Amino acid sequence: MSQQGAALQNYNNELVKCIEDLCAKRDELQRQILIEEEDKHKLENEIRIA
């Protein structure tokens, strides 16, 4: 039974790490999206002014 418990704990640890990695990737993508949206708004304003 302890082997099963250890295997489940390892599996759980891997899942937690994967979730943390995905959260970090999501945060980075969100940051990039915000930068791109700011650039888009700047370009739209420049087009309106020109």
PDB file of N, CA and C in Angstrom:
ATOM      1  N   MET A   1       0.827  -1.197   0.000  1.00  0.00           N
ATOM      2  CA  MET A   1       0.000   0.000   0.000  1.00  0.00           C
ATOM      3  C   MET A   1       0.864   1.251   0.000  1.00  0.00           C
ATOM      4  N   SER A   2       2.007   1.203   0.680  1.00  0.00           N
ATOM      5  CA  SER A   2       2.853   2.393   0.734  1.00  0.00           C
ATOM      6  C   SER A   2       3.434   2.719  -0.639  1.00  0.00           C
ATOM      7  N   GLN A   3       3.639   1.672  -1.465  1.00  0.00           N
ATOM      8  CA  GLN A   3       4.124   1.931  -2.825  1.00  0.00           C
ATOM      9  C   GLN A   3       3.068   2.684  -3.627  1.00  0.00           C
ATOM     10  N   GLN A   4       1.825   2.295  -3.444  1.00  0.00           N
ATOM     11  CA  GLN A   4       0.749   2.996  -4.138  1.00  0.00           C
ATOM     12  C   GLN A   4       0.660   4.439  -3.667  1.00  0.00           C
ATOM     13  N   GLY A   5       0.804   4.636  -2.376  1.00  0.00           N
ATOM     14  CA  GLY A   5       0.760   5.990  -1.826  1.00  0.00           C
ATOM     15  C   GLY A   5       1.895   6.840  -2.362  1.00  0.00           C
ATOM     16  N   ALA A   6       3.087   6.255  -2.445  1.00  0.00           N
ATOM     17  CA  ALA A   6       4.242   6.987  -2.976  1.00  0.00           C
ATOM     18  C   ALA A   6       4.043   7.307  -4.451  1.00  0.00           C
ATOM     19  N   ALA A   7       3.499   6.345  -5.194  1.00  0.00           N
ATOM     20  CA  ALA A   7       3.252   6.573  -6.616  1.00  0.00           C
ATOM     21  C   ALA A   7       2.224   7.685  -6.805  1.00  0.00           C
ATOM     22  N   LEU A   8       1.177   7.661  -6.000  1.00  0.00           N
ATOM     23  CA  LEU A   8       0.164   8.713  -6.089  1.00  0.00           C
ATOM     24  C   LEU A   8       0.743  10.072  -5.715  1.00  0.00           C
ATOM     25  N   GLN A   9       1.600  10.097  -4.702  1.00  0.00           N
ATOM     26  CA  GLN A   9       2.223  11.353  -4.290  1.00  0.00           C
ATOM     27  C   GLN A   9       3.122  11.895  -5.400  1.00  0.00           C
ATOM     28  N   ASN A  10       3.876  11.011  -6.052  1.00  0.00           N
ATOM     29  CA  ASN A  10       4.721  11.436  -7.174  1.00  0.00           C
ATOM     30  C   ASN A  10       3.873  11.982  -8.316  1.00  0.00           C
ATOM     31  N   TYR A  11       2.788  11.282  -8.607  1.00  0.00           N
ATOM     32  CA  TYR A  11       1.876  11.718  -9.660  1.00  0.00           C
ATOM     33  C   TYR A  11       1.295  13.084  -9.312  1.00  0.00           C
ATOM     34  N   ASN A  12       0.903  13.246  -8.060  1.00  0.00           N
ATOM     35  CA  ASN A  12       0.349  14.515  -7.598  1.00  0.00           C
ATOM     36  C   ASN A  12       1.386  15.630  -7.728  1.00  0.00           C
ATOM     37  N   ASN A  13       2.631  15.344  -7.342  1.00  0.00           N
ATOM     38  CA  ASN A  13       3.695  16.341  -7.449  1.00  0.00           C
ATOM     39  C   ASN A  13       3.924  16.758  -8.902  1.00  0.00           C
ATOM     40  N   GLU A  14       3.880  15.793  -9.813  1.00  0.00           N
ATOM     41  CA  GLU A  14       4.037  16.102 -11.234  1.00  0.00           C
ATOM     42  C   GLU A  14       2.887  16.977 -11.729  1.00  0.00           C
ATOM     43  N   LEU A  15       1.681  16.652 -11.300  1.00  0.00           N
ATOM     44  CA  LEU A  15       0.526  17.455 -11.698  1.00  0.00           C
ATOM     45  C   LEU A  15       0.643  18.888 -11.190  1.00  0.00           C
ATOM     46  N   VAL A  16       1.071  19.040  -9.953  1.00  0.00           N
ATOM     47  CA  VAL A  16       1.241  20.377  -9.376  1.00  0.00           C
ATOM     48  C   VAL A  16       2.277  21.162 -10.168  1.00  0.00           C
ATOM     49  N   LYS A  17       3.387  20.515 -10.512  1.00  0.00           N
ATOM     50  CA  LYS A  17       4.430  21.192 -11.284  1.00  0.00           C
ATOM     51  C   LYS A  17       3.902  21.602 -12.654  1.00  0.00           C
ATOM     52  N   CYS A  18       3.167  20.713 -13.304  1.00  0.00           N
ATOM     53  CA  CYS A  18       2.595  21.035 -14.615  1.00  0.00           C
ATOM     54  C   CYS A  18       1.633  22.214 -14.516  1.00  0.00           C
ATOM     55  N   ILE A  19       0.811  22.219 -13.490  1.00  0.00           N
ATOM     56  CA  ILE A  19      -0.135  23.319 -13.298  1.00  0.00           C
ATOM     57  C   ILE A  19       0.610  24.622 -13.056  1.00  0.00           C
ATOM     58  N   GLU A  20       1.668  24.577 -12.247  1.00  0.00           N
ATOM     59  CA  GLU A  20       2.457  25.783 -11.993  1.00  0.00           C
ATOM     60  C   GLU A  20       3.105  26.288 -13.276  1.00  0.00           C
ATOM     61  N   ASP A  21       3.619  25.373 -14.094  1.00  0.00           N
ATOM     62  CA  ASP A  21       4.226  25.759 -15.369  1.00  0.00           C
ATOM     63  C   ASP A  21       3.189  26.391 -16.293  1.00  0.00           C
ATOM     64  N   LEU A  22       2.011  25.792 -16.352  1.00  0.00           N
ATOM     65  CA  LEU A  22       0.948  26.340 -17.193  1.00  0.00           C
ATOM     66  C   LEU A  22       0.514  27.721 -16.712  1.00  0.00           C
ATOM     67  N   CYS A  23       0.439  27.912 -15.417  1.00  0.00           N
ATOM     68  CA  CYS A  23       0.082  29.225 -14.868  1.00  0.00           C
ATOM     69  C   CYS A  23       1.128  30.268 -15.239  1.00  0.00           C
ATOM     70  N   ALA A  24       2.393  29.889 -15.163  1.00  0.00           N
ATOM     71  CA  ALA A  24       3.465  30.815 -15.529  1.00  0.00           C
ATOM     72  C   ALA A  24       3.384  31.165 -17.011  1.00  0.00           C
ATOM     73  N   LYS A  25       3.119  30.175 -17.855  1.00  0.00           N
ATOM     74  CA  LYS A  25       2.979  30.432 -19.290  1.00  0.00           C
ATOM     75  C   LYS A  25       1.776  31.330 -19.554  1.00  0.00           C
ATOM     76  N   ARG A  26       0.676  31.076 -18.857  1.00  0.00           N
ATOM     77  CA  ARG A  26      -0.518  31.905 -19.021  1.00  0.00           C
ATOM     78  C   ARG A  26      -0.225  33.348 -18.639  1.00  0.00           C
ATOM     79  N   ASP A  27       0.469  33.542 -17.524  1.00  0.00           N
ATOM     80  CA  ASP A  27       0.804  34.891 -17.078  1.00  0.00           C
ATOM     81  C   ASP A  27       1.684  35.603 -18.097  1.00  0.00           C
ATOM     82  N   GLU A  28       2.656  34.890 -18.656  1.00  0.00           N
ATOM     83  CA  GLU A  28       3.536  35.486 -19.664  1.00  0.00           C
ATOM     84  C   GLU A  28       2.751  35.844 -20.922  1.00  0.00           C
ATOM     85  N   LEU A  29       1.870  34.950 -21.351  1.00  0.00           N
ATOM     86  CA  LEU A  29       1.043  35.240 -22.523  1.00  0.00           C
ATOM     87  C   LEU A  29       0.132  36.438 -22.274  1.00  0.00           C
ATOM     88  N   GLN A  30      -0.425  36.525 -21.091  1.00  0.00           N
ATOM     89  CA  GLN A  30      -1.290  37.658 -20.760  1.00  0.00           C
ATOM     90  C   GLN A  30      -0.498  38.959 -20.796  1.00  0.00           C
ATOM     91  N   ARG A  31       0.735  38.925 -20.300  1.00  0.00           N
ATOM     92  CA  ARG A  31       1.597  40.107 -20.326  1.00  0.00           C
ATOM     93  C   ARG A  31       1.889  40.511 -21.774  1.00  0.00           C
ATOM     94  N   GLN A  32       2.181  39.530 -22.618  1.00  0.00           N
ATOM     95  CA  GLN A  32       2.452  39.815 -24.023  1.00  0.00           C
ATOM     96  C   GLN A  32       1.215  40.370 -24.723  1.00  0.00           C
ATOM     97  N   ILE A  33       0.051  39.834 -24.395  1.00  0.00           N
ATOM     98  CA  ILE A  33      -1.196  40.323 -24.985  1.00  0.00           C
ATOM     99  C   ILE A  33      -1.417  41.781 -24.616  1.00  0.00           C
ATOM    100  N   LEU A  34      -1.187  42.134 -23.359  1.00  0.00           N
ATOM    101  CA  LEU A  34      -1.363  43.520 -22.929  1.00  0.00           C
ATOM    102  C   LEU A  34      -0.422  44.449 -23.678  1.00  0.00           C
ATOM    103  N   ILE A  35       0.823  44.031 -23.868  1.00  0.00           N
ATOM    104  CA  ILE A  35       1.785  44.845 -24.615  1.00  0.00           C
ATOM    105  C   ILE A  35       1.315  45.018 -26.054  1.00  0.00           C
ATOM    106  N   GLU A  36       0.870  43.935 -26.675  1.00  0.00           N
ATOM    107  CA  GLU A  36       0.394  44.006 -28.059  1.00  0.00           C
ATOM    108  C   GLU A  36      -0.841  44.899 -28.175  1.00  0.00           C
ATOM    109  N   GLU A  37      -1.736  44.828 -27.202  1.00  0.00           N
ATOM    110  CA  GLU A  37      -2.926  45.674 -27.234  1.00  0.00           C
ATOM    111  C   GLU A  37      -2.551  47.145 -27.090  1.00  0.00           C
ATOM    112  N   GLU A  38      -1.573  47.446 -26.239  1.00  0.00           N
ATOM    113  CA  GLU A  38      -1.111  48.826 -26.100  1.00  0.00           C
ATOM    114  C   GLU A  38      -0.526  49.324 -27.417  1.00  0.00           C
ATOM    115  N   ASP A  39       0.284  48.488 -28.060  1.00  0.00           N
ATOM    116  CA  ASP A  39       0.860  48.861 -29.352  1.00  0.00           C
ATOM    117  C   ASP A  39      -0.239  49.078 -30.389  1.00  0.00           C
ATOM    118  N   LYS A  40      -1.238  48.225 -30.374  1.00  0.00           N
ATOM    119  CA  LYS A  40      -2.354  48.342 -31.315  1.00  0.00           C
ATOM    120  C   LYS A  40      -3.070  49.671 -31.123  1.00  0.00           C
ATOM    121  N   HIS A  41      -3.337  50.040 -29.874  1.00  0.00           N
ATOM    122  CA  HIS A  41      -4.031  51.301 -29.599  1.00  0.00           C
ATOM    123  C   HIS A  41      -3.187  52.496 -30.024  1.00  0.00           C
ATOM    124  N   LYS A  42      -1.881  52.422 -29.799  1.00  0.00           N
ATOM    125  CA  LYS A  42      -0.996  53.504 -30.232  1.00  0.00           C
ATOM    126  C   LYS A  42      -1.044  53.663 -31.745  1.00  0.00           C
ATOM    127  N   LEU A  43      -0.983  52.537 -32.465  1.00  0.00           N
ATOM    128  CA  LEU A  43      -1.033  52.590 -33.925  1.00  0.00           C
ATOM    129  C   LEU A  43      -2.379  53.112 -34.418  1.00  0.00           C
ATOM    130  N   GLU A  44      -3.456  52.688 -33.792  1.00  0.00           N
ATOM    131  CA  GLU A  44      -4.781  53.176 -34.189  1.00  0.00           C
ATOM    132  C   GLU A  44      -4.883  54.680 -33.988  1.00  0.00           C
ATOM    133  N   ASN A  45      -4.334  55.183 -32.887  1.00  0.00           N
ATOM    134  CA  ASN A  45      -4.353  56.621 -32.642  1.00  0.00           C
ATOM    135  C   ASN A  45      -3.508  57.357 -33.668  1.00  0.00           C
ATOM    136  N   GLU A  46      -2.347  56.809 -34.021  1.00  0.00           N
ATOM    137  CA  GLU A  46      -1.499  57.432 -35.031  1.00  0.00           C
ATOM    138  C   GLU A  46      -2.212  57.485 -36.377  1.00  0.00           C
ATOM    139  N   ILE A  47      -2.936  56.426 -36.716  1.00  0.00           N
ATOM    140  CA  ILE A  47      -3.666  56.387 -37.986  1.00  0.00           C
ATOM    141  C   ILE A  47      -4.771  57.438 -37.988  1.00  0.00           C
ATOM    142  N   ARG A  48      -5.468  57.599 -36.872  1.00  0.00           N
ATOM    143  CA  ARG A  48      -6.537  58.598 -36.781  1.00  0.00           C
ATOM    144  C   ARG A  48      -5.991  60.010 -36.944  1.00  0.00           C
ATOM    145  N   ILE A  49      -4.828  60.255 -36.336  1.00  0.00           N
ATOM    146  CA  ILE A  49      -4.235  61.595 -36.378  1.00  0.00           C
ATOM    147  C   ILE A  49      -3.713  61.911 -37.778  1.00  0.00           C
ATOM    148  N   ALA A  50      -3.174  60.904 -38.457  1.00  0.00           N
ATOM    149  CA  ALA A  50      -2.540  61.129 -39.765  1.00  0.00           C
ATOM    150  C   ALA A  50      -3.517  61.421 -40.859  1.00  0.00           C
TER     151      ALA A  50
END
